Amino acid sequence: MINKIDNPIPKINEETGQPTNLTRIPKKVLDREDFIKLFITQLQYQDPMNPIENNEMAIQLALFNQVDQLMNINDTIKELKDLIENFQLNYAVSLIGKLVKIEGNIGRVENGKFLGGEFTLEEPYNKVKIIITDSQGKLIKKLELYNLEKGTHRILWDATDINGNIVPDGNYFISITAFKGEQPETIIPMIISKITGAILGESTKLVLNGKNQIDIDQIKEILGG
């Protein structure tokens, strides 16, 4: 079976030796060299009996100068962008291994100790309930606090479960509910986490506790390593 050939064999000009039926694909973006070629071509093929007037020549030179300046600005912007990306990369790498405060619900236990966390109340509450679960949703610990004043309060968890046993190292979900009367209110805590890695790309990401990804600007405070 013979397959039909979609692309015809190019015809060759006997005088020039070049194909005669090739389709020219125009450039979508002109660069500095293209503008110079256009300008020179215009000068070469101008009517000698009606040459370009001085004022028109001056206008075209001025326009070319503006185009050249805009291209220089674009080059400068690209250099600044590359510089900022390199700075973010170096900064992200320098944070690996450090402890940071971040708004979230994932707490971390390492070497049998809870890295820490806190929550802020905008007004006094009669009761605050803290529920800690593992990655499977199993209840690990329940803490209940009463008559808390307005301000910041630490999450005092000793990294033990409901039976008093030290929990395995890893990540734990912490939910906080505040009560004033019968209407509960969800409170997002500020958790201490460890930066364990960085993901490079168009937007550099940090890896927290070996799992969660965040942007650099989500860090509220750097505590050290």
N, C-alpha and C. Protein backbone atom coordinates (compact mmCIF):
# COMPACT_ATOMS: atom_id res chain seq x y z
N MET A 1 0.85 -1.21 0.00
CA MET A 1 0.00 0.00 0.00
C MET A 1 0.87 1.24 0.00
N ILE A 2 0.55 2.20 -0.85
CA ILE A 2 1.35 3.42 -0.97
C ILE A 2 0.62 4.55 -0.26
N ASN A 3 1.31 5.19 0.67
CA ASN A 3 0.72 6.32 1.39
C ASN A 3 0.89 7.59 0.58
N LYS A 4 -0.12 8.44 0.63
CA LYS A 4 -0.06 9.72 -0.07
C LYS A 4 0.87 10.66 0.67
N ILE A 5 1.74 11.35 -0.04
CA ILE A 5 2.67 12.30 0.56
C ILE A 5 2.04 13.68 0.54
N ASP A 6 1.84 14.25 1.75
CA ASP A 6 1.18 15.54 1.87
C ASP A 6 2.08 16.69 1.43
N ASN A 7 3.37 16.60 1.72
CA ASN A 7 4.29 17.69 1.40
C ASN A 7 4.87 17.48 0.01
N PRO A 8 4.61 18.37 -0.94
CA PRO A 8 5.14 18.21 -2.30
C PRO A 8 6.65 18.43 -2.33
N ILE A 9 7.28 17.85 -3.37
CA ILE A 9 8.72 18.04 -3.53
C ILE A 9 8.97 19.47 -3.98
N PRO A 10 9.86 20.21 -3.29
CA PRO A 10 10.08 21.61 -3.65
C PRO A 10 10.66 21.75 -5.06
N LYS A 11 10.17 22.76 -5.79
CA LYS A 11 10.69 23.07 -7.11
C LYS A 11 11.92 23.94 -6.99
N ILE A 12 12.94 23.67 -7.82
CA ILE A 12 14.21 24.38 -7.74
C ILE A 12 14.33 25.33 -8.92
N ASN A 13 14.69 26.57 -8.62
CA ASN A 13 14.96 27.55 -9.66
C ASN A 13 16.29 27.21 -10.31
N GLU A 14 16.30 27.03 -11.63
CA GLU A 14 17.52 26.62 -12.32
C GLU A 14 18.61 27.68 -12.25
N GLU A 15 18.25 28.96 -12.19
CA GLU A 15 19.26 30.02 -12.16
C GLU A 15 19.86 30.21 -10.78
N THR A 16 18.99 30.20 -9.76
CA THR A 16 19.48 30.49 -8.39
C THR A 16 19.79 29.23 -7.60
N GLY A 17 19.18 28.11 -8.03
CA GLY A 17 19.39 26.88 -7.27
C GLY A 17 18.63 26.84 -5.96
N GLN A 18 17.69 27.78 -5.75
CA GLN A 18 16.92 27.86 -4.51
C GLN A 18 15.50 27.36 -4.74
N PRO A 19 14.87 26.79 -3.70
CA PRO A 19 13.47 26.35 -3.84
C PRO A 19 12.57 27.53 -4.16
N THR A 20 11.54 27.29 -4.99
CA THR A 20 10.65 28.37 -5.43
C THR A 20 9.29 28.32 -4.77
N ASN A 21 8.93 27.22 -4.14
CA ASN A 21 7.59 27.08 -3.58
C ASN A 21 7.59 26.95 -2.06
N LEU A 22 8.60 27.48 -1.38
CA LEU A 22 8.64 27.45 0.08
C LEU A 22 7.83 28.62 0.63
N THR A 23 7.13 28.38 1.73
CA THR A 23 6.32 29.42 2.36
C THR A 23 7.15 30.16 3.40
N ARG A 24 7.18 31.47 3.31
CA ARG A 24 7.94 32.28 4.27
C ARG A 24 7.10 32.53 5.51
N ILE A 25 7.67 32.23 6.66
CA ILE A 25 6.97 32.45 7.93
C ILE A 25 7.50 33.74 8.56
N PRO A 26 6.68 34.78 8.63
CA PRO A 26 7.16 36.05 9.18
C PRO A 26 7.43 35.97 10.68
N LYS A 27 8.37 36.78 11.15
CA LYS A 27 8.67 36.84 12.58
C LYS A 27 7.56 37.59 13.30
N LYS A 28 7.22 37.12 14.48
CA LYS A 28 6.17 37.76 15.26
C LYS A 28 6.72 38.92 16.09
N VAL A 29 8.00 38.86 16.42
CA VAL A 29 8.61 39.91 17.23
C VAL A 29 9.87 40.40 16.53
N LEU A 30 9.97 41.71 16.36
CA LEU A 30 11.14 42.31 15.73
C LEU A 30 12.13 42.72 16.80
N ASP A 31 13.42 42.46 16.53
CA ASP A 31 14.44 42.88 17.48
C ASP A 31 15.17 44.12 16.94
N ARG A 32 16.20 44.53 17.66
CA ARG A 32 16.93 45.74 17.31
C ARG A 32 17.55 45.64 15.91
N GLU A 33 18.09 44.49 15.57
CA GLU A 33 18.72 44.28 14.27
C GLU A 33 17.70 44.39 13.14
N ASP A 34 16.48 43.91 13.37
CA ASP A 34 15.43 43.99 12.35
C ASP A 34 15.08 45.44 12.03
N PHE A 35 14.99 46.28 13.06
CA PHE A 35 14.68 47.69 12.85
C PHE A 35 15.78 48.38 12.04
N ILE A 36 17.03 48.02 12.33
CA ILE A 36 18.14 48.62 11.57
C ILE A 36 18.07 48.20 10.11
N LYS A 37 17.78 46.92 9.84
CA LYS A 37 17.68 46.44 8.47
C LYS A 37 16.55 47.14 7.72
N LEU A 38 15.41 47.32 8.41
CA LEU A 38 14.29 48.01 7.77
C LEU A 38 14.65 49.44 7.40
N PHE A 39 15.34 50.11 8.33
CA PHE A 39 15.72 51.51 8.10
C PHE A 39 16.70 51.63 6.93
N ILE A 40 17.71 50.74 6.91
CA ILE A 40 18.71 50.77 5.84
C ILE A 40 18.07 50.43 4.49
N THR A 41 17.16 49.44 4.49
CA THR A 41 16.47 49.06 3.26
C THR A 41 15.64 50.22 2.71
N GLN A 42 15.00 50.94 3.62
CA GLN A 42 14.22 52.10 3.20
C GLN A 42 15.11 53.15 2.53
N LEU A 43 16.30 53.37 3.10
CA LEU A 43 17.22 54.34 2.51
C LEU A 43 17.72 53.87 1.15
N GLN A 44 17.98 52.56 1.02
CA GLN A 44 18.52 52.03 -0.23
C GLN A 44 17.51 52.15 -1.38
N TYR A 45 16.25 51.95 -1.08
CA TYR A 45 15.24 51.89 -2.14
C TYR A 45 14.37 53.15 -2.22
N GLN A 46 14.85 54.22 -1.61
CA GLN A 46 14.09 55.47 -1.74
C GLN A 46 14.21 56.03 -3.17
N ASP A 47 13.25 56.78 -3.56
CA ASP A 47 13.23 57.40 -4.89
C ASP A 47 14.30 58.49 -4.95
N PRO A 48 15.34 58.34 -5.81
CA PRO A 48 16.39 59.36 -5.85
C PRO A 48 15.87 60.73 -6.29
N MET A 49 14.72 60.74 -6.99
CA MET A 49 14.14 62.00 -7.39
C MET A 49 13.26 62.62 -6.31
N ASN A 50 12.96 61.81 -5.31
CA ASN A 50 12.13 62.29 -4.21
C ASN A 50 12.61 61.67 -2.90
N PRO A 51 13.82 62.00 -2.47
CA PRO A 51 14.41 61.38 -1.26
C PRO A 51 13.66 61.79 0.01
N ILE A 52 13.94 61.04 1.05
CA ILE A 52 13.33 61.34 2.34
C ILE A 52 13.78 62.71 2.82
N GLU A 53 12.83 63.53 3.23
CA GLU A 53 13.17 64.87 3.70
C GLU A 53 13.86 64.81 5.06
N ASN A 54 14.58 65.89 5.37
CA ASN A 54 15.36 65.92 6.60
C ASN A 54 14.49 65.74 7.85
N ASN A 55 13.33 66.43 7.85
CA ASN A 55 12.49 66.31 9.05
C ASN A 55 11.92 64.91 9.21
N GLU A 56 11.58 64.25 8.08
CA GLU A 56 11.09 62.88 8.16
C GLU A 56 12.21 61.93 8.62
N MET A 57 13.42 62.21 8.10
CA MET A 57 14.58 61.42 8.54
C MET A 57 14.80 61.58 10.03
N ALA A 58 14.69 62.81 10.54
CA ALA A 58 14.89 63.06 11.97
C ALA A 58 13.84 62.34 12.81
N ILE A 59 12.59 62.34 12.31
CA ILE A 59 11.51 61.66 13.05
C ILE A 59 11.78 60.16 13.12
N GLN A 60 12.21 59.57 12.02
CA GLN A 60 12.47 58.13 12.01
C GLN A 60 13.66 57.79 12.90
N LEU A 61 14.69 58.64 12.89
CA LEU A 61 15.83 58.40 13.78
C LEU A 61 15.41 58.50 15.25
N ALA A 62 14.53 59.47 15.54
CA ALA A 62 14.04 59.62 16.91
C ALA A 62 13.22 58.40 17.33
N LEU A 63 12.39 57.91 16.41
CA LEU A 63 11.59 56.73 16.71
C LEU A 63 12.49 55.51 16.92
N PHE A 64 13.52 55.39 16.09
CA PHE A 64 14.45 54.28 16.25
C PHE A 64 15.16 54.37 17.60
N ASN A 65 15.53 55.60 18.01
CA ASN A 65 16.19 55.79 19.30
C ASN A 65 15.26 55.37 20.44
N GLN A 66 13.96 55.69 20.33
CA GLN A 66 13.00 55.29 21.36
C GLN A 66 12.88 53.77 21.44
N VAL A 67 12.81 53.14 20.25
CA VAL A 67 12.73 51.67 20.22
C VAL A 67 13.97 51.07 20.87
N ASP A 68 15.13 51.64 20.57
CA ASP A 68 16.37 51.13 21.15
C ASP A 68 16.37 51.28 22.66
N GLN A 69 15.87 52.41 23.17
CA GLN A 69 15.80 52.62 24.62
C GLN A 69 14.83 51.65 25.28
N LEU A 70 13.68 51.39 24.61
CA LEU A 70 12.71 50.45 25.17
C LEU A 70 13.30 49.04 25.24
N MET A 71 14.07 48.67 24.22
CA MET A 71 14.70 47.35 24.24
C MET A 71 15.74 47.26 25.35
N ASN A 72 16.47 48.36 25.58
CA ASN A 72 17.44 48.37 26.68
C ASN A 72 16.74 48.25 28.03
N ILE A 73 15.57 48.92 28.14
CA ILE A 73 14.79 48.82 29.38
C ILE A 73 14.32 47.39 29.60
N ASN A 74 13.86 46.74 28.53
CA ASN A 74 13.42 45.35 28.65
C ASN A 74 14.56 44.43 29.08
N ASP A 75 15.75 44.68 28.53
CA ASP A 75 16.92 43.88 28.93
C ASP A 75 17.23 44.09 30.41
N THR A 76 17.12 45.35 30.87
CA THR A 76 17.41 45.66 32.27
C THR A 76 16.39 44.99 33.19
N ILE A 77 15.11 45.04 32.79
CA ILE A 77 14.06 44.41 33.60
C ILE A 77 14.31 42.90 33.71
N LYS A 78 14.71 42.28 32.60
CA LYS A 78 14.99 40.84 32.63
C LYS A 78 16.15 40.53 33.57
N GLU A 79 17.18 41.38 33.54
CA GLU A 79 18.33 41.17 34.44
C GLU A 79 17.90 41.31 35.90
N LEU A 80 17.05 42.30 36.18
CA LEU A 80 16.56 42.48 37.55
C LEU A 80 15.72 41.28 37.99
N LYS A 81 14.89 40.77 37.07
CA LYS A 81 14.07 39.60 37.38
C LYS A 81 14.94 38.41 37.71
N ASP A 82 15.98 38.17 36.91
CA ASP A 82 16.89 37.06 37.18
C ASP A 82 17.61 37.25 38.51
N LEU A 83 17.97 38.50 38.83
CA LEU A 83 18.65 38.79 40.08
C LEU A 83 17.74 38.49 41.28
N ILE A 84 16.47 38.90 41.17
CA ILE A 84 15.52 38.66 42.25
C ILE A 84 15.29 37.16 42.44
N GLU A 85 15.16 36.43 41.33
CA GLU A 85 14.94 34.98 41.42
C GLU A 85 16.14 34.30 42.08
N ASN A 86 17.35 34.72 41.73
CA ASN A 86 18.54 34.15 42.35
C ASN A 86 18.60 34.46 43.84
N PHE A 87 18.19 35.69 44.21
CA PHE A 87 18.18 36.07 45.62
C PHE A 87 17.17 35.22 46.39
N GLN A 88 15.96 35.03 45.81
CA GLN A 88 14.95 34.22 46.48
C GLN A 88 15.43 32.78 46.64
N LEU A 89 16.10 32.27 45.61
CA LEU A 89 16.62 30.91 45.68
C LEU A 89 17.64 30.77 46.81
N ASN A 90 18.61 31.69 46.87
CA ASN A 90 19.64 31.63 47.90
C ASN A 90 19.03 31.80 49.29
N TYR A 91 18.03 32.69 49.39
CA TYR A 91 17.38 32.92 50.68
C TYR A 91 16.61 31.68 51.13
N ALA A 92 15.90 31.04 50.18
CA ALA A 92 15.14 29.84 50.51
C ALA A 92 16.06 28.72 50.99
N VAL A 93 17.17 28.53 50.31
CA VAL A 93 18.13 27.49 50.70
C VAL A 93 18.69 27.77 52.09
N SER A 94 18.94 29.05 52.41
CA SER A 94 19.50 29.40 53.72
C SER A 94 18.53 29.13 54.86
N LEU A 95 17.23 29.00 54.56
CA LEU A 95 16.23 28.78 55.60
C LEU A 95 16.06 27.30 55.94
N ILE A 96 16.59 26.41 55.13
CA ILE A 96 16.43 24.97 55.39
C ILE A 96 17.04 24.61 56.75
N GLY A 97 16.25 23.91 57.56
CA GLY A 97 16.69 23.51 58.90
C GLY A 97 16.29 24.48 60.00
N LYS A 98 15.73 25.63 59.64
CA LYS A 98 15.36 26.63 60.65
C LYS A 98 13.91 26.45 61.10
N LEU A 99 13.64 26.92 62.32
CA LEU A 99 12.28 26.92 62.85
C LEU A 99 11.62 28.26 62.54
N VAL A 100 10.36 28.19 62.14
CA VAL A 100 9.64 29.41 61.79
C VAL A 100 8.23 29.34 62.37
N LYS A 101 7.63 30.51 62.53
CA LYS A 101 6.22 30.58 62.92
C LYS A 101 5.39 30.83 61.67
N ILE A 102 4.31 30.06 61.56
CA ILE A 102 3.43 30.21 60.41
C ILE A 102 2.00 29.95 60.84
N GLU A 103 1.08 30.67 60.23
CA GLU A 103 -0.33 30.46 60.53
C GLU A 103 -0.80 29.17 59.88
N GLY A 104 -1.34 28.26 60.69
CA GLY A 104 -1.78 26.98 60.15
C GLY A 104 -2.20 26.04 61.25
N ASN A 105 -2.51 24.80 60.85
CA ASN A 105 -3.03 23.82 61.81
C ASN A 105 -2.15 22.58 61.96
N ILE A 106 -1.01 22.54 61.29
CA ILE A 106 -0.16 21.35 61.34
C ILE A 106 0.96 21.56 62.35
N GLY A 107 0.88 20.84 63.48
CA GLY A 107 1.95 20.89 64.48
C GLY A 107 2.96 19.77 64.26
N ARG A 108 4.11 19.91 64.87
CA ARG A 108 5.19 18.97 64.64
C ARG A 108 5.79 18.49 65.96
N VAL A 109 5.99 17.16 66.05
CA VAL A 109 6.68 16.57 67.19
C VAL A 109 8.00 16.00 66.71
N GLU A 110 9.10 16.42 67.35
CA GLU A 110 10.43 15.90 67.02
C GLU A 110 11.15 15.54 68.30
N ASN A 111 11.79 14.36 68.30
CA ASN A 111 12.52 13.87 69.47
C ASN A 111 11.63 13.87 70.72
N GLY A 112 10.35 13.53 70.52
CA GLY A 112 9.43 13.42 71.64
C GLY A 112 8.95 14.75 72.20
N LYS A 113 9.18 15.84 71.47
CA LYS A 113 8.77 17.17 71.96
C LYS A 113 7.97 17.91 70.89
N PHE A 114 6.90 18.57 71.34
CA PHE A 114 6.11 19.42 70.46
C PHE A 114 6.89 20.71 70.20
N LEU A 115 7.07 21.05 68.92
CA LEU A 115 7.87 22.24 68.61
C LEU A 115 7.24 23.52 69.14
N GLY A 116 5.92 23.52 69.28
CA GLY A 116 5.27 24.67 69.90
C GLY A 116 4.24 25.35 69.02
N GLY A 117 3.43 26.16 69.65
CA GLY A 117 2.41 26.92 68.94
C GLY A 117 1.69 27.85 69.89
N GLU A 118 0.90 28.74 69.33
CA GLU A 118 0.17 29.72 70.14
C GLU A 118 -1.07 30.17 69.37
N PHE A 119 -1.98 30.82 70.08
CA PHE A 119 -3.16 31.37 69.45
C PHE A 119 -3.50 32.69 70.12
N THR A 120 -4.17 33.54 69.38
CA THR A 120 -4.48 34.88 69.87
C THR A 120 -5.99 35.08 69.93
N LEU A 121 -6.46 35.61 71.06
CA LEU A 121 -7.88 35.92 71.25
C LEU A 121 -8.07 37.43 71.20
N GLU A 122 -9.03 37.87 70.41
CA GLU A 122 -9.30 39.30 70.28
C GLU A 122 -10.14 39.84 71.43
N GLU A 123 -10.71 38.93 72.22
CA GLU A 123 -11.52 39.29 73.37
C GLU A 123 -11.55 38.11 74.33
N PRO A 124 -12.00 38.29 75.57
CA PRO A 124 -12.05 37.17 76.53
C PRO A 124 -13.04 36.10 76.08
N TYR A 125 -12.72 34.83 76.41
CA TYR A 125 -13.61 33.71 76.11
C TYR A 125 -13.77 32.85 77.36
N ASN A 126 -14.96 32.28 77.49
CA ASN A 126 -15.24 31.43 78.65
C ASN A 126 -14.50 30.10 78.56
N LYS A 127 -14.36 29.58 77.34
CA LYS A 127 -13.76 28.26 77.17
C LYS A 127 -13.07 28.16 75.82
N VAL A 128 -11.94 27.47 75.80
CA VAL A 128 -11.22 27.18 74.55
C VAL A 128 -10.90 25.69 74.53
N LYS A 129 -11.29 25.05 73.42
CA LYS A 129 -11.04 23.61 73.29
C LYS A 129 -10.00 23.38 72.20
N ILE A 130 -8.96 22.60 72.53
CA ILE A 130 -7.90 22.27 71.58
C ILE A 130 -7.94 20.76 71.33
N ILE A 131 -8.17 20.39 70.07
CA ILE A 131 -8.22 18.98 69.68
C ILE A 131 -7.01 18.66 68.81
N ILE A 132 -6.28 17.60 69.17
CA ILE A 132 -5.08 17.19 68.42
C ILE A 132 -5.32 15.79 67.88
N THR A 133 -5.17 15.65 66.56
CA THR A 133 -5.36 14.35 65.92
C THR A 133 -4.14 13.99 65.08
N ASP A 134 -4.01 12.71 64.75
CA ASP A 134 -2.89 12.30 63.90
C ASP A 134 -3.29 12.39 62.42
N SER A 135 -2.41 11.92 61.53
CA SER A 135 -2.65 12.04 60.10
C SER A 135 -3.83 11.20 59.63
N GLN A 136 -4.26 10.23 60.44
CA GLN A 136 -5.40 9.38 60.10
C GLN A 136 -6.70 9.91 60.70
N GLY A 137 -6.64 11.03 61.43
CA GLY A 137 -7.83 11.59 62.05
C GLY A 137 -8.14 11.02 63.42
N LYS A 138 -7.25 10.19 63.96
CA LYS A 138 -7.47 9.59 65.28
C LYS A 138 -7.19 10.63 66.38
N LEU A 139 -8.07 10.67 67.38
CA LEU A 139 -7.90 11.60 68.49
C LEU A 139 -6.64 11.26 69.28
N ILE A 140 -5.77 12.24 69.45
CA ILE A 140 -4.55 12.06 70.21
C ILE A 140 -4.64 12.73 71.59
N LYS A 141 -5.15 13.95 71.60
CA LYS A 141 -5.20 14.70 72.86
C LYS A 141 -6.31 15.73 72.78
N LYS A 142 -6.95 15.99 73.92
CA LYS A 142 -7.96 17.05 74.01
C LYS A 142 -7.62 17.92 75.22
N LEU A 143 -7.45 19.22 74.95
CA LEU A 143 -7.13 20.18 76.00
C LEU A 143 -8.27 21.18 76.11
N GLU A 144 -8.70 21.46 77.34
CA GLU A 144 -9.76 22.44 77.56
C GLU A 144 -9.27 23.52 78.52
N LEU A 145 -9.40 24.76 78.10
CA LEU A 145 -8.95 25.91 78.89
C LEU A 145 -10.16 26.79 79.19
N TYR A 146 -10.16 27.41 80.37
CA TYR A 146 -11.32 28.18 80.79
C TYR A 146 -10.96 29.61 81.17
N ASN A 147 -11.92 30.51 80.92
CA ASN A 147 -11.81 31.92 81.32
C ASN A 147 -10.48 32.55 80.86
N LEU A 148 -10.27 32.52 79.56
CA LEU A 148 -9.04 33.09 79.00
C LEU A 148 -9.25 34.56 78.67
N GLU A 149 -8.25 35.36 78.99
CA GLU A 149 -8.30 36.79 78.71
C GLU A 149 -7.91 37.06 77.25
N LYS A 150 -8.18 38.27 76.82
CA LYS A 150 -7.74 38.72 75.50
C LYS A 150 -6.22 38.69 75.42
N GLY A 151 -5.68 38.26 74.27
CA GLY A 151 -4.22 38.23 74.10
C GLY A 151 -3.75 36.91 73.51
N THR A 152 -2.44 36.69 73.57
CA THR A 152 -1.82 35.50 72.99
C THR A 152 -1.56 34.45 74.07
N HIS A 153 -1.90 33.20 73.74
CA HIS A 153 -1.75 32.10 74.68
C HIS A 153 -1.00 30.94 74.02
N ARG A 154 -0.13 30.31 74.78
CA ARG A 154 0.65 29.18 74.26
C ARG A 154 -0.18 27.90 74.25
N ILE A 155 0.14 27.02 73.31
CA ILE A 155 -0.46 25.68 73.28
C ILE A 155 0.44 24.77 74.12
N LEU A 156 0.00 24.46 75.30
CA LEU A 156 0.83 23.68 76.24
C LEU A 156 0.53 22.19 76.09
N TRP A 157 1.13 21.59 75.08
CA TRP A 157 0.99 20.15 74.85
C TRP A 157 2.34 19.49 75.10
N ASP A 158 2.34 18.46 75.92
CA ASP A 158 3.58 17.76 76.28
C ASP A 158 3.89 16.59 75.35
N ALA A 159 3.24 16.55 74.19
CA ALA A 159 3.47 15.51 73.18
C ALA A 159 3.09 14.12 73.67
N THR A 160 2.08 14.06 74.55
CA THR A 160 1.56 12.76 74.99
C THR A 160 0.15 12.58 74.45
N ASP A 161 -0.30 11.30 74.41
CA ASP A 161 -1.66 11.02 73.96
C ASP A 161 -2.62 11.00 75.14
N ILE A 162 -3.87 10.56 74.91
CA ILE A 162 -4.88 10.59 75.97
C ILE A 162 -4.54 9.61 77.10
N ASN A 163 -3.62 8.67 76.83
CA ASN A 163 -3.21 7.71 77.86
C ASN A 163 -1.92 8.11 78.55
N GLY A 164 -1.36 9.27 78.17
CA GLY A 164 -0.13 9.73 78.80
C GLY A 164 1.14 9.22 78.17
N ASN A 165 1.02 8.54 77.02
CA ASN A 165 2.20 8.01 76.34
C ASN A 165 2.76 9.04 75.35
N ILE A 166 4.08 9.09 75.23
CA ILE A 166 4.71 9.98 74.26
C ILE A 166 4.35 9.54 72.85
N VAL A 167 3.89 10.46 72.03
CA VAL A 167 3.47 10.12 70.66
C VAL A 167 4.69 10.00 69.76
N PRO A 168 4.58 9.28 68.65
CA PRO A 168 5.70 9.19 67.69
C PRO A 168 5.99 10.55 67.05
N ASP A 169 7.22 10.75 66.65
CA ASP A 169 7.57 11.98 65.93
C ASP A 169 6.75 12.05 64.64
N GLY A 170 6.36 13.26 64.27
CA GLY A 170 5.60 13.43 63.04
C GLY A 170 4.73 14.66 63.10
N ASN A 171 3.80 14.74 62.14
CA ASN A 171 2.90 15.89 62.03
C ASN A 171 1.55 15.56 62.66
N TYR A 172 0.96 16.57 63.30
CA TYR A 172 -0.33 16.40 63.97
C TYR A 172 -1.22 17.61 63.66
N PHE A 173 -2.51 17.33 63.48
CA PHE A 173 -3.46 18.39 63.16
C PHE A 173 -4.01 18.98 64.45
N ILE A 174 -3.98 20.31 64.56
CA ILE A 174 -4.42 21.01 65.77
C ILE A 174 -5.59 21.91 65.41
N SER A 175 -6.75 21.67 66.01
CA SER A 175 -7.91 22.52 65.80
C SER A 175 -8.28 23.20 67.12
N ILE A 176 -8.61 24.49 67.05
CA ILE A 176 -8.92 25.27 68.24
C ILE A 176 -10.29 25.90 68.07
N THR A 177 -11.14 25.70 69.06
CA THR A 177 -12.48 26.28 69.05
C THR A 177 -12.68 27.08 70.33
N ALA A 178 -13.10 28.33 70.19
CA ALA A 178 -13.33 29.20 71.35
C ALA A 178 -14.83 29.38 71.54
N PHE A 179 -15.25 29.41 72.82
CA PHE A 179 -16.67 29.53 73.15
C PHE A 179 -16.90 30.77 74.01
N LYS A 180 -17.91 31.53 73.61
CA LYS A 180 -18.41 32.64 74.44
C LYS A 180 -19.92 32.53 74.38
N GLY A 181 -20.47 31.96 75.43
CA GLY A 181 -21.87 31.59 75.37
C GLY A 181 -21.98 30.26 74.64
N GLU A 182 -22.95 30.13 73.74
CA GLU A 182 -23.16 28.87 73.03
C GLU A 182 -22.63 28.89 71.59
N GLN A 183 -22.15 30.04 71.13
CA GLN A 183 -21.68 30.15 69.75
C GLN A 183 -20.17 29.88 69.67
N PRO A 184 -19.75 28.75 69.06
CA PRO A 184 -18.31 28.46 68.93
C PRO A 184 -17.66 29.28 67.83
N GLU A 185 -16.38 29.53 67.95
CA GLU A 185 -15.62 30.27 66.94
C GLU A 185 -14.30 29.54 66.69
N THR A 186 -14.00 29.31 65.41
CA THR A 186 -12.76 28.63 65.05
C THR A 186 -11.58 29.60 65.10
N ILE A 187 -10.51 29.20 65.76
CA ILE A 187 -9.30 30.02 65.89
C ILE A 187 -8.17 29.33 65.13
N ILE A 188 -7.52 30.06 64.23
CA ILE A 188 -6.35 29.52 63.51
C ILE A 188 -5.10 29.84 64.32
N PRO A 189 -4.37 28.82 64.76
CA PRO A 189 -3.18 29.06 65.60
C PRO A 189 -1.96 29.49 64.79
N MET A 190 -0.94 29.92 65.50
CA MET A 190 0.37 30.19 64.94
C MET A 190 1.27 29.04 65.39
N ILE A 191 1.73 28.25 64.44
CA ILE A 191 2.44 27.01 64.75
C ILE A 191 3.93 27.16 64.44
N ILE A 192 4.77 26.57 65.29
CA ILE A 192 6.21 26.52 65.02
C ILE A 192 6.50 25.29 64.17
N SER A 193 7.11 25.51 63.03
CA SER A 193 7.41 24.42 62.10
C SER A 193 8.88 24.48 61.70
N LYS A 194 9.34 23.38 61.13
CA LYS A 194 10.73 23.33 60.64
C LYS A 194 10.73 23.29 59.12
N ILE A 195 11.56 24.14 58.52
CA ILE A 195 11.73 24.13 57.07
C ILE A 195 12.69 23.01 56.70
N THR A 196 12.19 22.07 55.91
CA THR A 196 12.98 20.89 55.58
C THR A 196 13.43 20.84 54.12
N GLY A 197 12.98 21.80 53.31
CA GLY A 197 13.39 21.78 51.92
C GLY A 197 12.88 22.98 51.15
N ALA A 198 13.28 23.06 49.89
CA ALA A 198 12.84 24.15 49.01
C ALA A 198 12.57 23.58 47.63
N ILE A 199 11.51 24.05 46.99
CA ILE A 199 11.15 23.61 45.64
C ILE A 199 11.35 24.78 44.69
N LEU A 200 12.17 24.57 43.68
CA LEU A 200 12.53 25.62 42.76
C LEU A 200 11.60 25.60 41.56
N GLY A 201 11.32 26.78 41.03
CA GLY A 201 10.43 26.90 39.87
C GLY A 201 10.12 28.35 39.62
N GLU A 202 9.03 28.61 38.91
CA GLU A 202 8.63 29.99 38.65
C GLU A 202 8.37 30.73 39.96
N SER A 203 7.83 30.00 40.95
CA SER A 203 7.62 30.56 42.28
C SER A 203 8.26 29.62 43.29
N THR A 204 9.31 30.08 43.97
CA THR A 204 10.02 29.23 44.91
C THR A 204 9.14 28.91 46.11
N LYS A 205 9.05 27.63 46.45
CA LYS A 205 8.25 27.17 47.57
C LYS A 205 9.16 26.60 48.66
N LEU A 206 8.71 26.73 49.91
CA LEU A 206 9.40 26.11 51.04
C LEU A 206 8.61 24.90 51.48
N VAL A 207 9.32 23.87 51.93
CA VAL A 207 8.67 22.65 52.43
C VAL A 207 8.75 22.66 53.96
N LEU A 208 7.58 22.56 54.61
CA LEU A 208 7.51 22.54 56.07
C LEU A 208 7.29 21.13 56.57
N ASN A 209 8.07 20.75 57.58
CA ASN A 209 7.87 19.47 58.25
C ASN A 209 7.88 18.28 57.28
N GLY A 210 8.64 18.45 56.18
CA GLY A 210 8.77 17.35 55.22
C GLY A 210 7.55 17.10 54.38
N LYS A 211 6.53 18.00 54.43
CA LYS A 211 5.29 17.71 53.73
C LYS A 211 4.66 18.93 53.08
N ASN A 212 4.29 19.93 53.87
CA ASN A 212 3.50 21.05 53.38
C ASN A 212 4.36 22.07 52.64
N GLN A 213 3.79 22.67 51.60
CA GLN A 213 4.49 23.69 50.82
C GLN A 213 3.88 25.06 51.08
N ILE A 214 4.74 26.07 51.26
CA ILE A 214 4.27 27.43 51.49
C ILE A 214 5.12 28.40 50.68
N ASP A 215 4.61 29.63 50.50
CA ASP A 215 5.39 30.70 49.91
C ASP A 215 6.24 31.35 51.00
N ILE A 216 7.33 31.98 50.60
CA ILE A 216 8.23 32.59 51.57
C ILE A 216 7.52 33.67 52.37
N ASP A 217 6.61 34.43 51.74
CA ASP A 217 5.96 35.52 52.43
C ASP A 217 4.93 35.05 53.46
N GLN A 218 4.68 33.74 53.58
CA GLN A 218 3.77 33.22 54.58
C GLN A 218 4.45 33.08 55.95
N ILE A 219 5.76 33.19 55.99
CA ILE A 219 6.47 33.09 57.26
C ILE A 219 6.23 34.34 58.09
N LYS A 220 5.79 34.16 59.32
CA LYS A 220 5.52 35.27 60.22
C LYS A 220 6.72 35.65 61.06
N GLU A 221 7.54 34.64 61.40
CA GLU A 221 8.71 34.91 62.25
C GLU A 221 9.71 33.77 62.07
N ILE A 222 11.00 34.12 62.02
CA ILE A 222 12.07 33.12 61.93
C ILE A 222 12.70 33.01 63.32
N LEU A 223 12.72 31.77 63.84
CA LEU A 223 13.20 31.55 65.21
C LEU A 223 14.62 31.03 65.27
N GLY A 224 15.16 30.57 64.18
CA GLY A 224 16.51 30.01 64.18
C GLY A 224 16.45 28.51 64.01
N GLY A 225 17.60 27.85 64.17
CA GLY A 225 17.65 26.42 63.96
C GLY A 225 18.18 25.68 65.18
